[in-house]
């Protein structure tokens, strides 16, 4: 069984590791505020479409697919830019 001191040391190490990892990712990855705003808007749109009534002649389902595709494309664009910045 772990002592309280060992457990506390392990927890401190885990928290520090997470904070440093997050900070490193933030430093190296551009924030891209417009892409992040677009993602929030698209995710909100998909959430609204998900809870809308289904009687739309298939157009709601198609809209959900298109918005989901758009979300994936914006995410891919963010990843691409983060990977290729400074080139």
PDB file of N, CA and C in Angstrom:
ATOM      1  N   UNK A   1       0.835  -1.188   0.000  1.00  0.00           N
ATOM      2  CA  UNK A   1       0.000   0.000   0.000  1.00  0.00           C
ATOM      3  C   UNK A   1       0.879   1.250   0.000  1.00  0.00           C
ATOM      4  N   UNK A   2       0.488   2.240  -0.796  1.00  0.00           N
ATOM      5  CA  UNK A   2       1.254   3.469  -0.893  1.00  0.00           C
ATOM      6  C   UNK A   2       1.070   4.335   0.344  1.00  0.00           C
ATOM      7  N   UNK A   3       2.159   4.968   0.751  1.00  0.00           N
ATOM      8  CA  UNK A   3       2.036   5.903   1.864  1.00  0.00           C
ATOM      9  C   UNK A   3       1.403   7.194   1.354  1.00  0.00           C
ATOM     10  N   UNK A   4       0.917   7.974   2.265  1.00  0.00           N
ATOM     11  CA  UNK A   4       0.300   9.258   1.896  1.00  0.00           C
ATOM     12  C   UNK A   4       1.329  10.151   1.198  1.00  0.00           C
ATOM     13  N   UNK A   5       2.557  10.127   1.694  1.00  0.00           N
ATOM     14  CA  UNK A   5       3.607  10.952   1.094  1.00  0.00           C
ATOM     15  C   UNK A   5       3.889  10.514  -0.342  1.00  0.00           C
ATOM     16  N   UNK A   6       3.988   9.219  -0.573  1.00  0.00           N
ATOM     17  CA  UNK A   6       4.236   8.711  -1.919  1.00  0.00           C
ATOM     18  C   UNK A   6       3.074   9.060  -2.840  1.00  0.00           C
ATOM     19  N   UNK A   7       1.876   8.907  -2.367  1.00  0.00           N
ATOM     20  CA  UNK A   7       0.697   9.248  -3.154  1.00  0.00           C
ATOM     21  C   UNK A   7       0.688  10.734  -3.491  1.00  0.00           C
ATOM     22  N   UNK A   8       0.993  11.562  -2.514  1.00  0.00           N
ATOM     23  CA  UNK A   8       1.032  13.010  -2.734  1.00  0.00           C
ATOM     24  C   UNK A   8       2.104  13.359  -3.766  1.00  0.00           C
ATOM     25  N   UNK A   9       3.283  12.751  -3.666  1.00  0.00           N
ATOM     26  CA  UNK A   9       4.357  13.008  -4.633  1.00  0.00           C
ATOM     27  C   UNK A   9       3.931  12.580  -6.038  1.00  0.00           C
ATOM     28  N   UNK A  10       3.287  11.438  -6.129  1.00  0.00           N
ATOM     29  CA  UNK A  10       2.824  10.953  -7.431  1.00  0.00           C
ATOM     30  C   UNK A  10       1.794  11.904  -8.020  1.00  0.00           C
ATOM     31  N   UNK A  11       0.863  12.379  -7.196  1.00  0.00           N
ATOM     32  CA  UNK A  11      -0.161  13.316  -7.673  1.00  0.00           C
ATOM     33  C   UNK A  11       0.454  14.627  -8.125  1.00  0.00           C
ATOM     34  N   UNK A  12       1.405  15.145  -7.364  1.00  0.00           N
ATOM     35  CA  UNK A  12       2.084  16.386  -7.752  1.00  0.00           C
ATOM     36  C   UNK A  12       2.797  16.178  -9.086  1.00  0.00           C
ATOM     37  N   UNK A  13       3.498  15.062  -9.237  1.00  0.00           N
ATOM     38  CA  UNK A  13       4.180  14.773 -10.495  1.00  0.00           C
ATOM     39  C   UNK A  13       3.187  14.706 -11.657  1.00  0.00           C
ATOM     40  N   UNK A  14       2.059  14.032 -11.459  1.00  0.00           N
ATOM     41  CA  UNK A  14       1.059  13.901 -12.513  1.00  0.00           C
ATOM     42  C   UNK A  14       0.497  15.261 -12.906  1.00  0.00           C
ATOM     43  N   UNK A  15       0.187  16.089 -11.923  1.00  0.00           N
ATOM     44  CA  UNK A  15      -0.368  17.418 -12.215  1.00  0.00           C
ATOM     45  C   UNK A  15       0.657  18.281 -12.945  1.00  0.00           C
ATOM     46  N   UNK A  16       1.890  18.275 -12.472  1.00  0.00           N
ATOM     47  CA  UNK A  16       2.940  19.062 -13.126  1.00  0.00           C
ATOM     48  C   UNK A  16       3.144  18.592 -14.561  1.00  0.00           C
ATOM     49  N   UNK A  17       3.145  17.294 -14.771  1.00  0.00           N
ATOM     50  CA  UNK A  17       3.300  16.745 -16.121  1.00  0.00           C
ATOM     51  C   UNK A  17       2.174  17.203 -17.035  1.00  0.00           C
ATOM     52  N   UNK A  18       0.943  17.160 -16.548  1.00  0.00           N
ATOM     53  CA  UNK A  18      -0.197  17.609 -17.348  1.00  0.00           C
ATOM     54  C   UNK A  18      -0.104  19.097 -17.667  1.00  0.00           C
ATOM     55  N   UNK A  19       0.243  19.899 -16.680  1.00  0.00           N
ATOM     56  CA  UNK A  19       0.339  21.348 -16.886  1.00  0.00           C
ATOM     57  C   UNK A  19       1.439  21.678 -17.888  1.00  0.00           C
ATOM     58  N   UNK A  20       2.602  21.055 -17.732  1.00  0.00           N
ATOM     59  CA  UNK A  20       3.706  21.307 -18.658  1.00  0.00           C
ATOM     60  C   UNK A  20       3.335  20.856 -20.068  1.00  0.00           C
ATOM     61  N   UNK A  21       2.704  19.698 -20.189  1.00  0.00           N
ATOM     62  CA  UNK A  21       2.281  19.218 -21.508  1.00  0.00           C
ATOM     63  C   UNK A  21       1.280  20.147 -22.153  1.00  0.00           C
ATOM     64  N   UNK A  22       0.315  20.620 -21.386  1.00  0.00           N
ATOM     65  CA  UNK A  22      -0.669  21.556 -21.923  1.00  0.00           C
ATOM     66  C   UNK A  22      -0.007  22.864 -22.324  1.00  0.00           C
ATOM     67  N   UNK A  23       0.879  23.372 -21.473  1.00  0.00           N
ATOM     68  CA  UNK A  23       1.558  24.633 -21.777  1.00  0.00           C
ATOM     69  C   UNK A  23       2.404  24.505 -23.036  1.00  0.00           C
ATOM     70  N   UNK A  24       3.093  23.387 -23.192  1.00  0.00           N
ATOM     71  CA  UNK A  24       3.917  23.181 -24.388  1.00  0.00           C
ATOM     72  C   UNK A  24       3.046  23.148 -25.633  1.00  0.00           C
ATOM     73  N   UNK A  25       1.920  22.466 -25.566  1.00  0.00           N
ATOM     74  CA  UNK A  25       1.009  22.421 -26.710  1.00  0.00           C
ATOM     75  C   UNK A  25       0.456  23.790 -27.036  1.00  0.00           C
ATOM     76  N   UNK A  26       0.179  24.579 -26.018  1.00  0.00           N
ATOM     77  CA  UNK A  26      -0.349  25.925 -26.231  1.00  0.00           C
ATOM     78  C   UNK A  26       0.702  26.828 -26.835  1.00  0.00           C
ATOM     79  N   UNK A  27       1.945  26.699 -26.391  1.00  0.00           N
ATOM     80  CA  UNK A  27       3.016  27.545 -26.909  1.00  0.00           C
ATOM     81  C   UNK A  27       3.267  27.250 -28.378  1.00  0.00           C
ATOM     82  N   UNK A  28       3.292  25.970 -28.734  1.00  0.00           N
ATOM     83  CA  UNK A  28       3.635  25.591 -30.095  1.00  0.00           C
ATOM     84  C   UNK A  28       2.453  25.637 -31.056  1.00  0.00           C
ATOM     85  N   UNK A  29       1.237  25.555 -30.554  1.00  0.00           N
ATOM     86  CA  UNK A  29       0.063  25.574 -31.420  1.00  0.00           C
ATOM     87  C   UNK A  29      -0.538  26.974 -31.434  1.00  0.00           C
ATOM     88  N   UNK A  30      -0.723  27.494 -32.618  1.00  0.00           N
ATOM     89  CA  UNK A  30      -1.359  28.793 -32.781  1.00  0.00           C
ATOM     90  C   UNK A  30      -2.795  28.703 -32.298  1.00  0.00           C
ATOM     91  N   UNK A  31      -3.269  29.744 -31.672  1.00  0.00           N
ATOM     92  CA  UNK A  31      -4.612  29.715 -31.102  1.00  0.00           C
ATOM     93  C   UNK A  31      -5.711  29.726 -32.173  1.00  0.00           C
ATOM     94  N   UNK A  32      -5.499  30.382 -33.272  1.00  0.00           N
ATOM     95  CA  UNK A  32      -6.445  30.403 -34.384  1.00  0.00           C
ATOM     96  C   UNK A  32      -7.860  30.789 -33.923  1.00  0.00           C
ATOM     97  N   UNK A  33      -8.032  32.000 -33.424  1.00  0.00           N
ATOM     98  CA  UNK A  33      -9.325  32.386 -32.838  1.00  0.00           C
ATOM     99  C   UNK A  33     -10.498  32.302 -33.816  1.00  0.00           C
ATOM    100  N   UNK A  34     -10.275  32.574 -35.082  1.00  0.00           N
ATOM    101  CA  UNK A  34     -11.388  32.517 -36.037  1.00  0.00           C
ATOM    102  C   UNK A  34     -11.812  31.069 -36.316  1.00  0.00           C
ATOM    103  N   UNK A  35     -10.824  30.186 -36.391  1.00  0.00           N
ATOM    104  CA  UNK A  35     -11.146  28.769 -36.595  1.00  0.00           C
ATOM    105  C   UNK A  35     -11.833  28.206 -35.353  1.00  0.00           C
ATOM    106  N   UNK A  36     -11.380  28.608 -34.168  1.00  0.00           N
ATOM    107  CA  UNK A  36     -12.019  28.147 -32.934  1.00  0.00           C
ATOM    108  C   UNK A  36     -13.451  28.674 -32.836  1.00  0.00           C
ATOM    109  N   UNK A  37     -13.663  29.932 -33.239  1.00  0.00           N
ATOM    110  CA  UNK A  37     -15.023  30.494 -33.240  1.00  0.00           C
ATOM    111  C   UNK A  37     -15.909  29.738 -34.225  1.00  0.00           C
ATOM    112  N   UNK A  38     -15.352  29.399 -35.386  1.00  0.00           N
ATOM    113  CA  UNK A  38     -16.114  28.635 -36.372  1.00  0.00           C
ATOM    114  C   UNK A  38     -16.492  27.264 -35.812  1.00  0.00           C
ATOM    115  N   UNK A  39     -15.554  26.615 -35.133  1.00  0.00           N
ATOM    116  CA  UNK A  39     -15.854  25.311 -34.529  1.00  0.00           C
ATOM    117  C   UNK A  39     -16.974  25.418 -33.507  1.00  0.00           C
ATOM    118  N   UNK A  40     -16.920  26.443 -32.660  1.00  0.00           N
ATOM    119  CA  UNK A  40     -17.991  26.615 -31.664  1.00  0.00           C
ATOM    120  C   UNK A  40     -19.334  26.814 -32.354  1.00  0.00           C
ATOM    121  N   UNK A  41     -19.361  27.638 -33.386  1.00  0.00           N
ATOM    122  CA  UNK A  41     -20.613  27.897 -34.100  1.00  0.00           C
ATOM    123  C   UNK A  41     -21.134  26.635 -34.779  1.00  0.00           C
ATOM    124  N   UNK A  42     -20.250  25.887 -35.407  1.00  0.00           N
ATOM    125  CA  UNK A  42     -20.665  24.655 -36.078  1.00  0.00           C
ATOM    126  C   UNK A  42     -21.157  23.609 -35.081  1.00  0.00           C
ATOM    127  N   UNK A  43     -20.459  23.491 -33.960  1.00  0.00           N
ATOM    128  CA  UNK A  43     -20.901  22.526 -32.945  1.00  0.00           C
ATOM    129  C   UNK A  43     -22.250  22.925 -32.363  1.00  0.00           C
ATOM    130  N   UNK A  44     -22.456  24.215 -32.188  1.00  0.00           N
ATOM    131  CA  UNK A  44     -23.756  24.686 -31.708  1.00  0.00           C
ATOM    132  C   UNK A  44     -24.837  24.397 -32.754  1.00  0.00           C
ATOM    133  N   UNK A  45     -24.524  24.632 -34.026  1.00  0.00           N
ATOM    134  CA  UNK A  45     -25.485  24.352 -35.088  1.00  0.00           C
ATOM    135  C   UNK A  45     -25.848  22.865 -35.112  1.00  0.00           C
ATOM    136  N   UNK A  46     -24.846  22.001 -34.985  1.00  0.00           N
ATOM    137  CA  UNK A  46     -25.127  20.563 -34.996  1.00  0.00           C
ATOM    138  C   UNK A  46     -25.989  20.173 -33.795  1.00  0.00           C
ATOM    139  N   UNK A  47     -25.700  20.759 -32.647  1.00  0.00           N
ATOM    140  CA  UNK A  47     -26.498  20.458 -31.456  1.00  0.00           C
ATOM    141  C   UNK A  47     -27.953  20.883 -31.670  1.00  0.00           C
ATOM    142  N   UNK A  48     -28.169  22.044 -32.270  1.00  0.00           N
ATOM    143  CA  UNK A  48     -29.530  22.503 -32.530  1.00  0.00           C
ATOM    144  C   UNK A  48     -30.234  21.597 -33.540  1.00  0.00           C
ATOM    145  N   UNK A  49     -29.503  21.185 -34.572  1.00  0.00           N
ATOM    146  CA  UNK A  49     -30.081  20.272 -35.559  1.00  0.00           C
ATOM    147  C   UNK A  49     -30.419  18.925 -34.934  1.00  0.00           C
ATOM    148  N   UNK A  50     -29.560  18.461 -34.028  1.00  0.00           N
ATOM    149  CA  UNK A  50     -29.802  17.176 -33.364  1.00  0.00           C
ATOM    150  C   UNK A  50     -31.108  17.175 -32.584  1.00  0.00           C
ATOM    151  N   UNK A  51     -31.466  18.301 -31.976  1.00  0.00           N
ATOM    152  CA  UNK A  51     -32.673  18.341 -31.140  1.00  0.00           C
ATOM    153  C   UNK A  51     -33.897  18.869 -31.885  1.00  0.00           C
ATOM    154  N   UNK A  52     -33.704  19.294 -33.130  1.00  0.00           N
ATOM    155  CA  UNK A  52     -34.841  19.766 -33.926  1.00  0.00           C
ATOM    156  C   UNK A  52     -35.753  18.594 -34.283  1.00  0.00           C
ATOM    157  N   UNK A  53     -37.015  18.893 -34.527  1.00  0.00           N
ATOM    158  CA  UNK A  53     -37.954  17.848 -34.940  1.00  0.00           C
ATOM    159  C   UNK A  53     -37.519  17.254 -36.270  1.00  0.00           C
ATOM    160  N   UNK A  54     -37.803  15.988 -36.440  1.00  0.00           N
ATOM    161  CA  UNK A  54     -37.279  15.236 -37.587  1.00  0.00           C
ATOM    162  C   UNK A  54     -38.086  15.400 -38.874  1.00  0.00           C
ATOM    163  N   UNK A  55     -39.225  16.032 -38.826  1.00  0.00           N
ATOM    164  CA  UNK A  55     -40.117  16.073 -39.987  1.00  0.00           C
ATOM    165  C   UNK A  55     -39.721  17.174 -40.977  1.00  0.00           C
ATOM    166  N   UNK A  56     -38.558  17.020 -41.589  1.00  0.00           N
ATOM    167  CA  UNK A  56     -38.054  18.047 -42.508  1.00  0.00           C
ATOM    168  C   UNK A  56     -37.764  17.493 -43.902  1.00  0.00           C
ATOM    169  N   UNK A  57     -38.360  16.373 -44.236  1.00  0.00           N
ATOM    170  CA  UNK A  57     -38.185  15.805 -45.565  1.00  0.00           C
ATOM    171  C   UNK A  57     -36.760  15.369 -45.872  1.00  0.00           C
ATOM    172  N   UNK A  58     -36.003  14.999 -44.825  1.00  0.00           N
ATOM    173  CA  UNK A  58     -34.624  14.556 -45.024  1.00  0.00           C
ATOM    174  C   UNK A  58     -33.607  15.688 -45.022  1.00  0.00           C
ATOM    175  N   UNK A  59     -34.072  16.927 -45.056  1.00  0.00           N
ATOM    176  CA  UNK A  59     -33.149  18.070 -45.125  1.00  0.00           C
ATOM    177  C   UNK A  59     -32.390  18.267 -43.813  1.00  0.00           C
ATOM    178  N   UNK A  60     -33.038  18.005 -42.690  1.00  0.00           N
ATOM    179  CA  UNK A  60     -32.364  18.101 -41.390  1.00  0.00           C
ATOM    180  C   UNK A  60     -31.230  17.089 -41.312  1.00  0.00           C
ATOM    181  N   UNK A  61     -31.484  15.857 -41.733  1.00  0.00           N
ATOM    182  CA  UNK A  61     -30.464  14.810 -41.712  1.00  0.00           C
ATOM    183  C   UNK A  61     -29.288  15.203 -42.601  1.00  0.00           C
ATOM    184  N   UNK A  62     -29.590  15.722 -43.789  1.00  0.00           N
ATOM    185  CA  UNK A  62     -28.530  16.150 -44.710  1.00  0.00           C
ATOM    186  C   UNK A  62     -27.745  17.314 -44.105  1.00  0.00           C
ATOM    187  N   UNK A  63     -28.430  18.238 -43.451  1.00  0.00           N
ATOM    188  CA  UNK A  63     -27.755  19.367 -42.813  1.00  0.00           C
ATOM    189  C   UNK A  63     -26.820  18.883 -41.707  1.00  0.00           C
ATOM    190  N   UNK A  64     -27.260  17.895 -40.929  1.00  0.00           N
ATOM    191  CA  UNK A  64     -26.409  17.337 -39.873  1.00  0.00           C
ATOM    192  C   UNK A  64     -25.141  16.743 -40.480  1.00  0.00           C
ATOM    193  N   UNK A  65     -25.293  16.029 -41.589  1.00  0.00           N
ATOM    194  CA  UNK A  65     -24.130  15.437 -42.257  1.00  0.00           C
ATOM    195  C   UNK A  65     -23.166  16.525 -42.744  1.00  0.00           C
ATOM    196  N   UNK A  66     -23.724  17.563 -43.358  1.00  0.00           N
ATOM    197  CA  UNK A  66     -22.882  18.636 -43.894  1.00  0.00           C
ATOM    198  C   UNK A  66     -22.172  19.408 -42.789  1.00  0.00           C
ATOM    199  N   UNK A  67     -22.876  19.674 -41.704  1.00  0.00           N
ATOM    200  CA  UNK A  67     -22.261  20.385 -40.581  1.00  0.00           C
ATOM    201  C   UNK A  67     -21.175  19.512 -39.954  1.00  0.00           C
ATOM    202  N   UNK A  68     -21.427  18.221 -39.822  1.00  0.00           N
ATOM    203  CA  UNK A  68     -20.412  17.312 -39.284  1.00  0.00           C
ATOM    204  C   UNK A  68     -19.182  17.284 -40.183  1.00  0.00           C
ATOM    205  N   UNK A  69     -19.402  17.268 -41.493  1.00  0.00           N
ATOM    206  CA  UNK A  69     -18.285  17.335 -42.445  1.00  0.00           C
ATOM    207  C   UNK A  69     -17.512  18.644 -42.269  1.00  0.00           C
ATOM    208  N   UNK A  70     -18.233  19.742 -42.104  1.00  0.00           N
ATOM    209  CA  UNK A  70     -17.590  21.047 -41.925  1.00  0.00           C
ATOM    210  C   UNK A  70     -16.749  21.070 -40.646  1.00  0.00           C
ATOM    211  N   UNK A  71     -17.260  20.483 -39.588  1.00  0.00           N
ATOM    212  CA  UNK A  71     -16.506  20.415 -38.327  1.00  0.00           C
ATOM    213  C   UNK A  71     -15.203  19.661 -38.545  1.00  0.00           C
ATOM    214  N   UNK A  72     -15.286  18.522 -39.221  1.00  0.00           N
ATOM    215  CA  UNK A  72     -14.069  17.737 -39.483  1.00  0.00           C
ATOM    216  C   UNK A  72     -13.073  18.522 -40.336  1.00  0.00           C
ATOM    217  N   UNK A  73     -13.555  19.259 -41.308  1.00  0.00           N
ATOM    218  CA  UNK A  73     -12.667  20.051 -42.169  1.00  0.00           C
ATOM    219  C   UNK A  73     -11.988  21.179 -41.394  1.00  0.00           C
ATOM    220  N   UNK A  74     -12.730  21.861 -40.541  1.00  0.00           N
ATOM    221  CA  UNK A  74     -12.133  22.940 -39.739  1.00  0.00           C
ATOM    222  C   UNK A  74     -11.090  22.354 -38.790  1.00  0.00           C
ATOM    223  N   UNK A  75     -11.412  21.236 -38.153  1.00  0.00           N
ATOM    224  CA  UNK A  75     -10.445  20.584 -37.264  1.00  0.00           C
ATOM    225  C   UNK A  75      -9.185  20.185 -38.037  1.00  0.00           C
ATOM    226  N   UNK A  76      -9.371  19.664 -39.247  1.00  0.00           N
ATOM    227  CA  UNK A  76      -8.220  19.278 -40.076  1.00  0.00           C
ATOM    228  C   UNK A  76      -7.397  20.502 -40.451  1.00  0.00           C
ATOM    229  N   UNK A  77      -8.058  21.607 -40.733  1.00  0.00           N
ATOM    230  CA  UNK A  77      -7.347  22.841 -41.053  1.00  0.00           C
ATOM    231  C   UNK A  77      -6.524  23.348 -39.880  1.00  0.00           C
ATOM    232  N   UNK A  78      -7.080  23.268 -38.697  1.00  0.00           N
ATOM    233  CA  UNK A  78      -6.349  23.686 -37.492  1.00  0.00           C
ATOM    234  C   UNK A  78      -5.126  22.793 -37.297  1.00  0.00           C
ATOM    235  N   UNK A  79      -5.330  21.468 -37.412  1.00  0.00           N
ATOM    236  CA  UNK A  79      -4.197  20.544 -37.259  1.00  0.00           C
ATOM    237  C   UNK A  79      -3.122  20.807 -38.308  1.00  0.00           C
ATOM    238  N   UNK A  80      -3.531  21.042 -39.558  1.00  0.00           N
ATOM    239  CA  UNK A  80      -2.570  21.298 -40.627  1.00  0.00           C
ATOM    240  C   UNK A  80      -1.771  22.550 -40.312  1.00  0.00           C
ATOM    241  N   UNK A  81      -2.462  23.617 -39.927  1.00  0.00           N
ATOM    242  CA  UNK A  81      -1.758  24.865 -39.645  1.00  0.00           C
ATOM    243  C   UNK A  81      -0.805  24.709 -38.472  1.00  0.00           C
ATOM    244  N   UNK A  82      -1.244  23.988 -37.430  1.00  0.00           N
ATOM    245  CA  UNK A  82      -0.374  23.783 -36.270  1.00  0.00           C
ATOM    246  C   UNK A  82       0.863  22.988 -36.641  1.00  0.00           C
ATOM    247  N   UNK A  83       0.696  22.030 -37.545  1.00  0.00           N
ATOM    248  CA  UNK A  83       1.816  21.183 -37.956  1.00  0.00           C
ATOM    249  C   UNK A  83       2.764  21.930 -38.881  1.00  0.00           C
ATOM    250  N   UNK A  84       2.258  22.859 -39.686  1.00  0.00           N
ATOM    251  CA  UNK A  84       3.074  23.499 -40.730  1.00  0.00           C
ATOM    252  C   UNK A  84       3.381  24.961 -40.457  1.00  0.00           C
ATOM    253  N   UNK A  85       3.124  25.459 -39.278  1.00  0.00           N
ATOM    254  CA  UNK A  85       3.412  26.861 -39.037  1.00  0.00           C
ATOM    255  C   UNK A  85       4.922  27.088 -39.041  1.00  0.00           C
ATOM    256  N   UNK A  86       5.295  28.214 -39.558  1.00  0.00           N
ATOM    257  CA  UNK A  86       6.715  28.562 -39.615  1.00  0.00           C
ATOM    258  C   UNK A  86       7.422  28.014 -40.837  1.00  0.00           C
ATOM    259  N   UNK A  87       6.703  27.346 -41.723  1.00  0.00           N
ATOM    260  CA  UNK A  87       7.336  26.787 -42.927  1.00  0.00           C
ATOM    261  C   UNK A  87       7.287  27.800 -44.043  1.00  0.00           C
TER     262      UNK A  87
END
